[in-house]
Amino acid sequence: MTTREILGAFHGLYAGGYAQHLREAGNSNAMPPWAETFWLGKQVVKCPMDLWVYQEIIVETKPDLLIETGTNGAGAAWFFATIMDLIGHGQVITVDKDKYPELWKPHARIQYLVGDSSSEEIASQIRPLTSGKTVMLSLDSLHTYDHVRKELSLYGNLVTKGCYAVVDDTGFGNPEDVASGQWCDRAVKEFTAQNPHFIPDYTCEKHLLTSNHGGWLKRVL
């Protein structure tokens, strides 16, 4: 097997294959590892190796503002905000179409927005907040081609030179969706082709296991 095939097989186990094996063996409560990841006691639904890279990027680039789509339980927003606490710099704006008040912990660095992240209505609320600031982007809402294409069109060019637009789950698509071009991988490829000032930074995949293969986009111009 090639390295990519080995990683793909492990991704399958990590994404749910191993949990399914445990459930079939009698452990009805088995969950995939990414659903059993906690930061300071709060669940963060991301690969731990990706979280490590996220914190390296935040510490290195020190964004004034990190725009996140796909708040869900707000674990990632909490993670980002606490890293910003440690370096004493940065704010998070996080967007979700649904509201989870019992999970959205208040934090001085987090602003929660409710709405469709691919809509102009939400984008028009966010744009004024980016003026004069260094901006980073994390897209982790609906991972379809059409949704991520719209998000990259709305927010991609708000990212400042030297900072990142990260498209999560580019490496975890349903094979049928990937093959038909309906997964976010296609949106990333089109965006970088049309915006050559963004390049995939494969050094962010140094830990090998990543949910975001080809999705760590650095703005270089």
N, C-alpha and C. Protein backbone atom coordinates (compact mmCIF):
# COMPACT_ATOMS: atom_id res chain seq x y z
N MET A 1 0.83 -1.19 0.00
CA MET A 1 0.00 0.00 0.00
C MET A 1 0.87 1.25 0.00
N THR A 2 0.40 2.30 -0.68
CA THR A 2 1.10 3.57 -0.64
C THR A 2 0.83 4.26 0.68
N THR A 3 1.63 5.29 0.97
CA THR A 3 1.42 6.05 2.20
C THR A 3 0.00 6.63 2.25
N ARG A 4 -0.46 7.18 1.12
CA ARG A 4 -1.79 7.77 1.07
C ARG A 4 -2.87 6.72 1.31
N GLU A 5 -2.67 5.51 0.77
CA GLU A 5 -3.64 4.43 0.99
C GLU A 5 -3.67 4.00 2.45
N ILE A 6 -2.49 3.94 3.08
CA ILE A 6 -2.43 3.59 4.50
C ILE A 6 -3.15 4.64 5.34
N LEU A 7 -2.88 5.91 5.04
CA LEU A 7 -3.55 6.98 5.77
C LEU A 7 -5.05 6.95 5.54
N GLY A 8 -5.45 6.63 4.29
CA GLY A 8 -6.87 6.55 3.99
C GLY A 8 -7.55 5.45 4.78
N ALA A 9 -6.86 4.31 4.89
CA ALA A 9 -7.41 3.19 5.66
C ALA A 9 -7.54 3.57 7.14
N PHE A 10 -6.53 4.26 7.66
CA PHE A 10 -6.60 4.68 9.06
C PHE A 10 -7.69 5.73 9.25
N HIS A 11 -7.83 6.63 8.28
CA HIS A 11 -8.92 7.61 8.34
C HIS A 11 -10.26 6.91 8.50
N GLY A 12 -10.43 5.81 7.73
CA GLY A 12 -11.68 5.07 7.81
C GLY A 12 -11.94 4.54 9.20
N LEU A 13 -10.89 4.01 9.85
CA LEU A 13 -11.02 3.54 11.22
C LEU A 13 -11.32 4.70 12.16
N TYR A 14 -10.58 5.79 11.99
CA TYR A 14 -10.71 6.94 12.87
C TYR A 14 -12.09 7.59 12.74
N ALA A 15 -12.58 7.66 11.49
CA ALA A 15 -13.85 8.35 11.24
C ALA A 15 -15.05 7.59 11.77
N GLY A 16 -14.92 6.29 11.93
CA GLY A 16 -16.06 5.54 12.44
C GLY A 16 -15.95 4.04 12.33
N GLY A 17 -15.00 3.58 11.53
CA GLY A 17 -14.86 2.15 11.33
C GLY A 17 -14.55 1.38 12.60
N TYR A 18 -13.65 1.92 13.41
CA TYR A 18 -13.29 1.22 14.64
C TYR A 18 -14.45 1.23 15.63
N ALA A 19 -15.16 2.36 15.72
CA ALA A 19 -16.32 2.44 16.61
C ALA A 19 -17.39 1.44 16.17
N GLN A 20 -17.55 1.30 14.85
CA GLN A 20 -18.52 0.34 14.35
C GLN A 20 -18.12 -1.08 14.73
N HIS A 21 -16.82 -1.37 14.63
CA HIS A 21 -16.31 -2.69 15.03
C HIS A 21 -16.61 -2.96 16.51
N LEU A 22 -16.41 -1.95 17.36
CA LEU A 22 -16.69 -2.12 18.78
C LEU A 22 -18.17 -2.31 19.04
N ARG A 23 -19.02 -1.59 18.30
CA ARG A 23 -20.46 -1.74 18.48
C ARG A 23 -20.91 -3.15 18.08
N GLU A 24 -20.35 -3.62 16.98
CA GLU A 24 -20.70 -4.97 16.54
C GLU A 24 -20.22 -6.03 17.53
N ALA A 25 -19.16 -5.69 18.29
CA ALA A 25 -18.63 -6.62 19.30
C ALA A 25 -19.38 -6.52 20.63
N GLY A 26 -20.37 -5.61 20.69
CA GLY A 26 -21.20 -5.55 21.88
C GLY A 26 -21.16 -4.25 22.65
N ASN A 27 -20.25 -3.34 22.29
CA ASN A 27 -20.18 -2.04 22.98
C ASN A 27 -21.07 -1.04 22.24
N SER A 28 -22.33 -0.99 22.64
CA SER A 28 -23.30 -0.17 21.92
C SER A 28 -23.05 1.32 22.08
N ASN A 29 -22.21 1.73 23.03
CA ASN A 29 -21.94 3.14 23.27
C ASN A 29 -20.65 3.63 22.62
N ALA A 30 -19.99 2.75 21.86
CA ALA A 30 -18.71 3.13 21.25
C ALA A 30 -18.89 4.30 20.30
N MET A 31 -17.99 5.28 20.41
CA MET A 31 -18.00 6.46 19.56
C MET A 31 -16.66 6.58 18.83
N PRO A 32 -16.65 7.22 17.65
CA PRO A 32 -15.37 7.43 16.96
C PRO A 32 -14.48 8.36 17.77
N PRO A 33 -13.15 8.24 17.62
CA PRO A 33 -12.22 9.03 18.44
C PRO A 33 -12.43 10.54 18.36
N TRP A 34 -12.80 11.05 17.16
CA TRP A 34 -12.95 12.50 17.04
C TRP A 34 -14.11 13.03 17.88
N ALA A 35 -15.05 12.14 18.24
CA ALA A 35 -16.16 12.55 19.09
C ALA A 35 -15.84 12.41 20.57
N GLU A 36 -14.65 11.89 20.87
CA GLU A 36 -14.23 11.69 22.25
C GLU A 36 -13.00 12.55 22.57
N THR A 37 -12.94 13.73 21.94
CA THR A 37 -11.82 14.65 22.14
C THR A 37 -12.30 15.82 23.00
N PHE A 38 -11.56 16.11 24.09
CA PHE A 38 -11.96 17.17 25.02
C PHE A 38 -10.79 18.12 25.27
N TRP A 39 -11.12 19.42 25.39
CA TRP A 39 -10.13 20.44 25.70
C TRP A 39 -10.62 21.20 26.92
N LEU A 40 -9.87 21.12 28.01
CA LEU A 40 -10.26 21.76 29.27
C LEU A 40 -11.69 21.36 29.66
N GLY A 41 -12.00 20.09 29.44
CA GLY A 41 -13.28 19.55 29.84
C GLY A 41 -14.41 19.73 28.85
N LYS A 42 -14.17 20.44 27.73
CA LYS A 42 -15.23 20.67 26.75
C LYS A 42 -14.97 19.86 25.49
N GLN A 43 -16.02 19.19 25.01
CA GLN A 43 -15.89 18.37 23.80
C GLN A 43 -15.54 19.25 22.60
N VAL A 44 -14.54 18.82 21.85
CA VAL A 44 -14.14 19.51 20.62
C VAL A 44 -14.16 18.47 19.51
N VAL A 45 -15.07 18.63 18.56
CA VAL A 45 -15.26 17.60 17.54
C VAL A 45 -14.30 17.86 16.37
N LYS A 46 -13.02 17.65 16.64
CA LYS A 46 -11.98 17.76 15.62
C LYS A 46 -10.88 16.76 15.91
N CYS A 47 -10.13 16.42 14.88
CA CYS A 47 -8.96 15.56 15.06
C CYS A 47 -7.94 16.28 15.94
N PRO A 48 -7.42 15.65 16.99
CA PRO A 48 -6.45 16.31 17.88
C PRO A 48 -5.21 16.82 17.15
N MET A 49 -4.78 16.11 16.11
CA MET A 49 -3.61 16.58 15.37
C MET A 49 -3.91 17.86 14.61
N ASP A 50 -5.15 18.01 14.16
CA ASP A 50 -5.55 19.26 13.52
C ASP A 50 -5.65 20.39 14.53
N LEU A 51 -6.14 20.09 15.73
CA LEU A 51 -6.18 21.11 16.78
C LEU A 51 -4.78 21.61 17.11
N TRP A 52 -3.82 20.69 17.12
CA TRP A 52 -2.44 21.09 17.40
C TRP A 52 -1.94 22.08 16.35
N VAL A 53 -2.25 21.79 15.08
CA VAL A 53 -1.82 22.68 14.00
C VAL A 53 -2.56 24.01 14.08
N TYR A 54 -3.85 23.98 14.40
CA TYR A 54 -4.60 25.21 14.58
C TYR A 54 -3.92 26.12 15.60
N GLN A 55 -3.52 25.54 16.75
CA GLN A 55 -2.90 26.39 17.77
C GLN A 55 -1.55 26.92 17.31
N GLU A 56 -0.81 26.12 16.54
CA GLU A 56 0.46 26.61 16.00
C GLU A 56 0.23 27.81 15.09
N ILE A 57 -0.80 27.72 14.24
CA ILE A 57 -1.12 28.82 13.33
C ILE A 57 -1.54 30.06 14.11
N ILE A 58 -2.40 29.89 15.11
CA ILE A 58 -2.87 31.04 15.90
C ILE A 58 -1.70 31.72 16.60
N VAL A 59 -0.81 30.93 17.18
CA VAL A 59 0.33 31.50 17.89
C VAL A 59 1.28 32.20 16.92
N GLU A 60 1.47 31.59 15.74
CA GLU A 60 2.41 32.16 14.76
C GLU A 60 1.86 33.43 14.11
N THR A 61 0.59 33.43 13.71
CA THR A 61 0.04 34.54 12.93
C THR A 61 -0.69 35.57 13.78
N LYS A 62 -1.10 35.20 14.99
CA LYS A 62 -1.79 36.10 15.92
C LYS A 62 -2.92 36.89 15.24
N PRO A 63 -3.91 36.20 14.69
CA PRO A 63 -5.01 36.93 14.05
C PRO A 63 -5.78 37.78 15.05
N ASP A 64 -6.18 38.95 14.59
CA ASP A 64 -7.07 39.78 15.42
C ASP A 64 -8.45 39.13 15.51
N LEU A 65 -8.84 38.47 14.41
CA LEU A 65 -10.18 37.91 14.32
C LEU A 65 -10.14 36.56 13.61
N LEU A 66 -10.74 35.56 14.22
CA LEU A 66 -10.91 34.25 13.59
C LEU A 66 -12.39 34.04 13.33
N ILE A 67 -12.76 33.91 12.07
CA ILE A 67 -14.14 33.66 11.68
C ILE A 67 -14.32 32.15 11.54
N GLU A 68 -15.25 31.61 12.32
CA GLU A 68 -15.55 30.18 12.24
C GLU A 68 -16.99 29.98 11.78
N THR A 69 -17.19 29.07 10.83
CA THR A 69 -18.55 28.66 10.48
C THR A 69 -18.75 27.23 10.94
N GLY A 70 -19.96 26.96 11.44
CA GLY A 70 -20.25 25.63 11.97
C GLY A 70 -19.94 25.54 13.45
N THR A 71 -20.60 26.37 14.25
CA THR A 71 -20.34 26.41 15.69
C THR A 71 -20.61 25.07 16.36
N ASN A 72 -21.79 24.49 16.01
CA ASN A 72 -22.24 23.25 16.64
C ASN A 72 -22.20 23.42 18.16
N GLY A 73 -21.48 22.56 18.88
CA GLY A 73 -21.43 22.65 20.33
C GLY A 73 -20.44 23.68 20.85
N ALA A 74 -19.78 24.41 19.96
CA ALA A 74 -18.85 25.49 20.29
C ALA A 74 -17.55 25.01 20.92
N GLY A 75 -17.23 23.73 20.75
CA GLY A 75 -15.96 23.24 21.29
C GLY A 75 -14.75 23.86 20.63
N ALA A 76 -14.80 23.99 19.29
CA ALA A 76 -13.67 24.57 18.58
C ALA A 76 -13.53 26.06 18.91
N ALA A 77 -14.64 26.77 18.96
CA ALA A 77 -14.59 28.19 19.32
C ALA A 77 -13.97 28.37 20.70
N TRP A 78 -14.36 27.49 21.62
CA TRP A 78 -13.79 27.52 22.98
C TRP A 78 -12.29 27.25 22.94
N PHE A 79 -11.89 26.27 22.15
CA PHE A 79 -10.47 25.95 22.00
C PHE A 79 -9.71 27.16 21.46
N PHE A 80 -10.21 27.75 20.36
CA PHE A 80 -9.54 28.91 19.77
C PHE A 80 -9.43 30.05 20.79
N ALA A 81 -10.52 30.31 21.51
CA ALA A 81 -10.53 31.43 22.45
C ALA A 81 -9.55 31.22 23.59
N THR A 82 -9.43 29.98 24.07
CA THR A 82 -8.51 29.75 25.19
C THR A 82 -7.05 29.82 24.74
N ILE A 83 -6.78 29.44 23.50
CA ILE A 83 -5.43 29.64 22.96
C ILE A 83 -5.15 31.14 22.86
N MET A 84 -6.14 31.89 22.43
CA MET A 84 -5.98 33.35 22.36
C MET A 84 -5.80 33.95 23.76
N ASP A 85 -6.45 33.38 24.75
CA ASP A 85 -6.21 33.81 26.13
C ASP A 85 -4.73 33.66 26.49
N LEU A 86 -4.16 32.54 26.10
CA LEU A 86 -2.77 32.25 26.47
C LEU A 86 -1.80 33.24 25.82
N ILE A 87 -2.11 33.67 24.59
CA ILE A 87 -1.20 34.62 23.93
C ILE A 87 -1.66 36.07 24.13
N GLY A 88 -2.82 36.24 24.76
CA GLY A 88 -3.30 37.58 25.07
C GLY A 88 -3.76 38.37 23.88
N HIS A 89 -4.27 37.67 22.85
CA HIS A 89 -4.66 38.40 21.64
C HIS A 89 -5.66 37.59 20.83
N GLY A 90 -6.68 38.28 20.28
CA GLY A 90 -7.57 37.66 19.31
C GLY A 90 -9.01 37.55 19.77
N GLN A 91 -9.91 37.51 18.78
CA GLN A 91 -11.33 37.33 18.99
C GLN A 91 -11.85 36.28 18.02
N VAL A 92 -12.96 35.65 18.38
CA VAL A 92 -13.60 34.63 17.53
C VAL A 92 -15.03 35.05 17.24
N ILE A 93 -15.40 35.03 15.96
CA ILE A 93 -16.81 35.13 15.57
C ILE A 93 -17.19 33.78 15.01
N THR A 94 -18.22 33.17 15.57
CA THR A 94 -18.61 31.83 15.13
C THR A 94 -20.08 31.81 14.75
N VAL A 95 -20.39 31.10 13.66
CA VAL A 95 -21.72 31.15 13.06
C VAL A 95 -22.30 29.74 12.94
N ASP A 96 -23.59 29.60 13.27
CA ASP A 96 -24.29 28.35 13.03
C ASP A 96 -25.75 28.67 12.74
N LYS A 97 -26.37 27.85 11.91
CA LYS A 97 -27.79 28.07 11.59
C LYS A 97 -28.70 27.71 12.76
N ASP A 98 -28.17 26.87 13.67
CA ASP A 98 -28.93 26.48 14.86
C ASP A 98 -28.26 27.03 16.11
N LYS A 99 -29.04 27.17 17.16
CA LYS A 99 -28.53 27.69 18.42
C LYS A 99 -28.56 26.61 19.48
N TYR A 100 -27.46 26.49 20.22
CA TYR A 100 -27.36 25.49 21.28
C TYR A 100 -26.96 26.19 22.59
N PRO A 101 -27.89 26.90 23.22
CA PRO A 101 -27.56 27.73 24.38
C PRO A 101 -26.99 26.94 25.55
N GLU A 102 -27.37 25.66 25.65
CA GLU A 102 -26.86 24.86 26.76
C GLU A 102 -25.40 24.45 26.53
N LEU A 103 -24.91 24.58 25.31
CA LEU A 103 -23.53 24.20 24.98
C LEU A 103 -22.63 25.39 24.72
N TRP A 104 -23.21 26.52 24.36
CA TRP A 104 -22.40 27.69 24.00
C TRP A 104 -21.97 28.44 25.25
N LYS A 105 -20.79 28.07 25.74
CA LYS A 105 -20.28 28.70 26.95
C LYS A 105 -19.89 30.16 26.67
N PRO A 106 -20.29 31.08 27.51
CA PRO A 106 -19.88 32.47 27.31
C PRO A 106 -18.39 32.64 27.51
N HIS A 107 -17.80 33.47 26.67
CA HIS A 107 -16.37 33.76 26.77
C HIS A 107 -16.16 35.15 26.19
N ALA A 108 -15.33 35.94 26.84
CA ALA A 108 -15.13 37.33 26.43
C ALA A 108 -14.60 37.44 25.01
N ARG A 109 -13.94 36.41 24.52
CA ARG A 109 -13.35 36.47 23.18
C ARG A 109 -14.26 35.88 22.09
N ILE A 110 -15.44 35.36 22.45
CA ILE A 110 -16.30 34.69 21.48
C ILE A 110 -17.59 35.50 21.26
N GLN A 111 -17.90 35.72 19.98
CA GLN A 111 -19.19 36.29 19.60
C GLN A 111 -19.94 35.25 18.77
N TYR A 112 -21.15 34.90 19.24
CA TYR A 112 -21.95 33.90 18.56
C TYR A 112 -22.97 34.57 17.62
N LEU A 113 -23.05 34.07 16.38
CA LEU A 113 -24.06 34.52 15.43
C LEU A 113 -24.89 33.32 15.00
N VAL A 114 -26.20 33.55 14.82
CA VAL A 114 -27.10 32.48 14.38
C VAL A 114 -27.63 32.83 12.99
N GLY A 115 -27.40 31.91 12.05
CA GLY A 115 -27.86 32.13 10.69
C GLY A 115 -27.11 31.24 9.72
N ASP A 116 -27.44 31.37 8.46
CA ASP A 116 -26.81 30.58 7.40
C ASP A 116 -25.48 31.23 7.02
N SER A 117 -24.38 30.52 7.28
CA SER A 117 -23.06 31.10 7.02
C SER A 117 -22.81 31.34 5.54
N SER A 118 -23.59 30.70 4.67
CA SER A 118 -23.40 30.91 3.24
C SER A 118 -24.30 32.02 2.69
N SER A 119 -24.94 32.78 3.60
CA SER A 119 -25.86 33.83 3.18
C SER A 119 -25.21 35.20 3.23
N GLU A 120 -25.68 36.07 2.37
CA GLU A 120 -25.21 37.46 2.38
C GLU A 120 -25.65 38.16 3.67
N GLU A 121 -26.77 37.74 4.23
CA GLU A 121 -27.26 38.35 5.47
C GLU A 121 -26.23 38.23 6.59
N ILE A 122 -25.65 37.04 6.75
CA ILE A 122 -24.64 36.84 7.79
C ILE A 122 -23.33 37.49 7.39
N ALA A 123 -22.93 37.34 6.14
CA ALA A 123 -21.66 37.92 5.68
C ALA A 123 -21.66 39.43 5.87
N SER A 124 -22.81 40.07 5.66
CA SER A 124 -22.88 41.52 5.81
C SER A 124 -22.73 41.96 7.26
N GLN A 125 -23.02 41.06 8.20
CA GLN A 125 -22.79 41.37 9.61
C GLN A 125 -21.32 41.22 9.98
N ILE A 126 -20.64 40.32 9.30
CA ILE A 126 -19.26 40.02 9.65
C ILE A 126 -18.27 40.99 9.00
N ARG A 127 -18.51 41.35 7.74
CA ARG A 127 -17.52 42.17 7.01
C ARG A 127 -17.10 43.43 7.76
N PRO A 128 -18.04 44.24 8.31
CA PRO A 128 -17.60 45.46 8.99
C PRO A 128 -16.68 45.19 10.18
N LEU A 129 -16.79 44.01 10.77
CA LEU A 129 -15.99 43.68 11.94
C LEU A 129 -14.55 43.31 11.58
N THR A 130 -14.28 43.15 10.27
CA THR A 130 -12.93 42.76 9.84
C THR A 130 -12.07 43.95 9.43
N SER A 131 -12.66 45.12 9.38
CA SER A 131 -11.93 46.30 8.88
C SER A 131 -10.67 46.57 9.70
N GLY A 132 -9.55 46.64 9.00
CA GLY A 132 -8.29 46.96 9.65
C GLY A 132 -7.70 45.85 10.50
N LYS A 133 -8.26 44.65 10.40
CA LYS A 133 -7.81 43.55 11.26
C LYS A 133 -7.16 42.44 10.44
N THR A 134 -6.27 41.70 11.10
CA THR A 134 -5.76 40.48 10.49
C THR A 134 -6.79 39.38 10.76
N VAL A 135 -7.12 38.64 9.70
CA VAL A 135 -8.27 37.74 9.75
C VAL A 135 -7.87 36.33 9.34
N MET A 136 -8.35 35.36 10.10
CA MET A 136 -8.21 33.93 9.81
C MET A 136 -9.60 33.34 9.64
N LEU A 137 -9.70 32.24 8.88
CA LEU A 137 -11.00 31.65 8.57
C LEU A 137 -10.96 30.14 8.83
N SER A 138 -12.00 29.62 9.46
CA SER A 138 -12.16 28.17 9.67
C SER A 138 -13.56 27.78 9.24
N LEU A 139 -13.66 26.97 8.17
CA LEU A 139 -14.96 26.56 7.63
C LEU A 139 -15.25 25.13 8.04
N ASP A 140 -16.23 24.96 8.92
CA ASP A 140 -16.55 23.63 9.44
C ASP A 140 -18.05 23.48 9.62
N SER A 141 -18.81 23.98 8.64
CA SER A 141 -20.27 23.82 8.72
C SER A 141 -20.67 22.70 7.76
N LEU A 142 -21.54 22.97 6.81
CA LEU A 142 -21.94 21.96 5.83
C LEU A 142 -20.79 21.79 4.83
N HIS A 143 -20.39 20.55 4.59
CA HIS A 143 -19.17 20.30 3.81
C HIS A 143 -19.42 19.97 2.34
N THR A 144 -20.57 20.37 1.84
CA THR A 144 -20.88 20.11 0.43
C THR A 144 -20.16 21.11 -0.47
N TYR A 145 -20.03 20.75 -1.73
CA TYR A 145 -19.38 21.63 -2.70
C TYR A 145 -20.06 23.00 -2.75
N ASP A 146 -21.38 23.00 -2.90
CA ASP A 146 -22.08 24.26 -3.09
C ASP A 146 -21.97 25.17 -1.88
N HIS A 147 -22.11 24.60 -0.69
CA HIS A 147 -22.06 25.42 0.53
C HIS A 147 -20.67 26.02 0.74
N VAL A 148 -19.64 25.21 0.62
CA VAL A 148 -18.28 25.71 0.84
C VAL A 148 -17.86 26.68 -0.26
N ARG A 149 -18.33 26.43 -1.49
CA ARG A 149 -18.05 27.37 -2.57
C ARG A 149 -18.59 28.76 -2.22
N LYS A 150 -19.81 28.80 -1.70
CA LYS A 150 -20.41 30.08 -1.31
C LYS A 150 -19.65 30.72 -0.15
N GLU A 151 -19.28 29.91 0.84
CA GLU A 151 -18.54 30.45 1.99
C GLU A 151 -17.20 31.04 1.55
N LEU A 152 -16.47 30.32 0.70
CA LEU A 152 -15.17 30.83 0.25
C LEU A 152 -15.34 32.10 -0.56
N SER A 153 -16.42 32.19 -1.32
CA SER A 153 -16.70 33.41 -2.09
C SER A 153 -17.00 34.59 -1.17
N LEU A 154 -17.72 34.33 -0.07
CA LEU A 154 -18.11 35.39 0.85
C LEU A 154 -16.98 35.83 1.77
N TYR A 155 -16.17 34.87 2.24
CA TYR A 155 -15.22 35.17 3.31
C TYR A 155 -13.75 35.00 2.92
N GLY A 156 -13.48 34.29 1.83
CA GLY A 156 -12.09 33.96 1.50
C GLY A 156 -11.19 35.17 1.42
N ASN A 157 -11.64 36.20 0.72
CA ASN A 157 -10.78 37.36 0.53
C ASN A 157 -10.79 38.33 1.70
N LEU A 158 -11.49 37.96 2.80
CA LEU A 158 -11.34 38.72 4.04
C LEU A 158 -10.07 38.31 4.78
N VAL A 159 -9.55 37.12 4.43
CA VAL A 159 -8.33 36.61 5.06
C VAL A 159 -7.15 37.47 4.63
N THR A 160 -6.32 37.84 5.57
CA THR A 160 -5.20 38.72 5.28
C THR A 160 -3.94 37.94 4.94
N LYS A 161 -3.03 38.61 4.25
CA LYS A 161 -1.78 37.98 3.83
C LYS A 161 -1.04 37.38 5.03
N GLY A 162 -0.58 36.16 4.85
CA GLY A 162 0.13 35.47 5.91
C GLY A 162 -0.76 34.65 6.82
N CYS A 163 -2.08 34.85 6.72
CA CYS A 163 -3.03 34.09 7.53
C CYS A 163 -3.64 32.97 6.70
N TYR A 164 -4.52 32.21 7.33
CA TYR A 164 -5.03 30.98 6.72
C TYR A 164 -6.55 30.98 6.59
N ALA A 165 -7.00 30.33 5.51
CA ALA A 165 -8.39 29.89 5.39
C ALA A 165 -8.34 28.37 5.46
N VAL A 166 -8.93 27.80 6.49
CA VAL A 166 -8.89 26.35 6.69
C VAL A 166 -10.26 25.77 6.37
N VAL A 167 -10.28 24.83 5.44
CA VAL A 167 -11.52 24.15 5.09
C VAL A 167 -11.48 22.76 5.72
N ASP A 168 -12.29 22.56 6.73
CA ASP A 168 -12.28 21.29 7.46
C ASP A 168 -12.98 20.18 6.67
N ASP A 169 -12.55 18.96 6.95
CA ASP A 169 -13.16 17.73 6.42
C ASP A 169 -13.00 17.54 4.92
N THR A 170 -12.00 18.18 4.32
CA THR A 170 -11.72 17.90 2.91
C THR A 170 -11.29 16.45 2.72
N GLY A 171 -10.79 15.81 3.76
CA GLY A 171 -10.32 14.44 3.64
C GLY A 171 -11.29 13.39 4.12
N PHE A 172 -12.52 13.77 4.47
CA PHE A 172 -13.45 12.83 5.08
C PHE A 172 -14.77 12.73 4.32
N GLY A 173 -14.76 12.98 3.03
CA GLY A 173 -16.02 12.94 2.28
C GLY A 173 -16.48 11.53 1.97
N ASN A 174 -17.81 11.38 1.84
CA ASN A 174 -18.36 10.15 1.32
C ASN A 174 -17.77 9.91 -0.07
N PRO A 175 -17.21 8.72 -0.34
CA PRO A 175 -16.57 8.47 -1.64
C PRO A 175 -17.46 8.80 -2.83
N GLU A 176 -18.78 8.56 -2.70
CA GLU A 176 -19.69 8.87 -3.80
C GLU A 176 -19.80 10.38 -4.02
N ASP A 177 -19.83 11.13 -2.93
CA ASP A 177 -19.91 12.59 -3.05
C ASP A 177 -18.61 13.16 -3.63
N VAL A 178 -17.48 12.61 -3.19
CA VAL A 178 -16.20 13.06 -3.72
C VAL A 178 -16.12 12.77 -5.21
N ALA A 179 -16.49 11.55 -5.60
CA ALA A 179 -16.41 11.14 -7.00
C ALA A 179 -17.33 11.98 -7.89
N SER A 180 -18.47 12.38 -7.36
CA SER A 180 -19.42 13.16 -8.15
C SER A 180 -19.16 14.66 -8.10
N GLY A 181 -18.15 15.07 -7.32
CA GLY A 181 -17.81 16.49 -7.23
C GLY A 181 -18.71 17.27 -6.30
N GLN A 182 -19.43 16.58 -5.42
CA GLN A 182 -20.36 17.27 -4.53
C GLN A 182 -19.80 17.50 -3.14
N TRP A 183 -18.51 17.17 -2.93
CA TRP A 183 -17.88 17.40 -1.63
C TRP A 183 -17.05 18.67 -1.68
N CYS A 184 -16.62 19.16 -0.51
CA CYS A 184 -15.94 20.45 -0.43
C CYS A 184 -14.55 20.44 -1.08
N ASP A 185 -13.96 19.26 -1.31
CA ASP A 185 -12.66 19.20 -1.99
C ASP A 185 -12.70 19.98 -3.30
N ARG A 186 -13.77 19.80 -4.05
CA ARG A 186 -13.90 20.47 -5.36
C ARG A 186 -13.94 21.98 -5.19
N ALA A 187 -14.65 22.47 -4.18
CA ALA A 187 -14.73 23.91 -3.96
C ALA A 187 -13.36 24.49 -3.63
N VAL A 188 -12.55 23.75 -2.86
CA VAL A 188 -11.20 24.20 -2.51
C VAL A 188 -10.34 24.30 -3.76
N LYS A 189 -10.39 23.28 -4.60
CA LYS A 189 -9.58 23.28 -5.83
C LYS A 189 -9.97 24.42 -6.75
N GLU A 190 -11.26 24.67 -6.89
CA GLU A 190 -11.71 25.77 -7.74
C GLU A 190 -11.28 27.11 -7.16
N PHE A 191 -11.41 27.25 -5.84
CA PHE A 191 -11.06 28.52 -5.21
C PHE A 191 -9.57 28.83 -5.38
N THR A 192 -8.70 27.86 -5.17
CA THR A 192 -7.27 28.13 -5.30
C THR A 192 -6.88 28.36 -6.76
N ALA A 193 -7.58 27.71 -7.68
CA ALA A 193 -7.31 27.95 -9.10
C ALA A 193 -7.68 29.37 -9.50
N GLN A 194 -8.77 29.88 -8.93
CA GLN A 194 -9.24 31.23 -9.26
C GLN A 194 -8.58 32.31 -8.41
N ASN A 195 -7.96 31.90 -7.30
CA ASN A 195 -7.32 32.85 -6.38
C ASN A 195 -5.91 32.37 -6.06
N PRO A 196 -4.97 32.58 -6.99
CA PRO A 196 -3.62 32.03 -6.81
C PRO A 196 -2.85 32.63 -5.64
N HIS A 197 -3.41 33.66 -4.99
CA HIS A 197 -2.77 34.20 -3.79
C HIS A 197 -3.03 33.30 -2.58
N PHE A 198 -3.83 32.24 -2.77
CA PHE A 198 -3.99 31.21 -1.75
C PHE A 198 -3.36 29.91 -2.24
N ILE A 199 -2.56 29.29 -1.38
CA ILE A 199 -1.95 28.01 -1.75
C ILE A 199 -2.16 27.00 -0.62
N PRO A 200 -2.38 25.74 -0.96
CA PRO A 200 -2.45 24.72 0.09
C PRO A 200 -1.10 24.60 0.78
N ASP A 201 -1.09 24.68 2.10
CA ASP A 201 0.15 24.56 2.87
C ASP A 201 0.24 23.14 3.44
N TYR A 202 0.97 22.29 2.72
CA TYR A 202 1.04 20.89 3.12
C TYR A 202 1.93 20.67 4.33
N THR A 203 2.67 21.70 4.75
CA THR A 203 3.44 21.55 5.98
C THR A 203 2.51 21.42 7.18
N CYS A 204 1.24 21.86 7.02
CA CYS A 204 0.27 21.71 8.10
C CYS A 204 -0.19 20.26 8.27
N GLU A 205 0.23 19.41 7.34
CA GLU A 205 -0.13 17.99 7.40
C GLU A 205 1.04 17.14 7.89
N LYS A 206 1.96 17.77 8.60
CA LYS A 206 3.19 17.09 9.02
C LYS A 206 2.94 15.93 9.97
N HIS A 207 1.78 15.94 10.67
CA HIS A 207 1.47 14.85 11.59
C HIS A 207 0.77 13.68 10.88
N LEU A 208 0.63 13.80 9.55
CA LEU A 208 0.08 12.77 8.67
C LEU A 208 -1.44 12.62 8.80
N LEU A 209 -1.95 12.40 10.00
CA LEU A 209 -3.39 12.29 10.15
C LEU A 209 -4.00 13.68 10.19
N THR A 210 -4.86 13.98 9.23
CA THR A 210 -5.56 15.27 9.19
C THR A 210 -6.91 15.07 8.54
N SER A 211 -7.89 15.79 9.02
CA SER A 211 -9.21 15.79 8.38
C SER A 211 -9.25 16.76 7.20
N ASN A 212 -8.17 17.55 7.04
CA ASN A 212 -8.20 18.69 6.13
C ASN A 212 -7.14 18.58 5.04
N HIS A 213 -7.01 17.40 4.43
CA HIS A 213 -5.99 17.22 3.40
C HIS A 213 -6.23 18.20 2.26
N GLY A 214 -5.24 19.06 2.01
CA GLY A 214 -5.36 20.07 0.96
C GLY A 214 -6.20 21.25 1.36
N GLY A 215 -6.67 21.27 2.61
CA GLY A 215 -7.59 22.33 3.04
C GLY A 215 -6.99 23.41 3.91
N TRP A 216 -5.66 23.31 4.15
CA TRP A 216 -4.97 24.37 4.91
C TRP A 216 -4.46 25.40 3.90
N LEU A 217 -5.24 26.44 3.65
CA LEU A 217 -4.93 27.40 2.60
C LEU A 217 -4.30 28.66 3.19
N LYS A 218 -3.08 28.94 2.77
CA LYS A 218 -2.38 30.11 3.26
C LYS A 218 -2.43 31.22 2.22
N ARG A 219 -2.75 32.42 2.67
CA ARG A 219 -2.73 33.56 1.75
C ARG A 219 -1.32 34.11 1.69
N VAL A 220 -0.74 34.09 0.50
CA VAL A 220 0.66 34.47 0.34
C VAL A 220 0.83 35.82 -0.36
N LEU A 221 -0.24 36.37 -0.91
CA LEU A 221 -0.17 37.69 -1.57
C LEU A 221 -1.35 38.55 -1.12
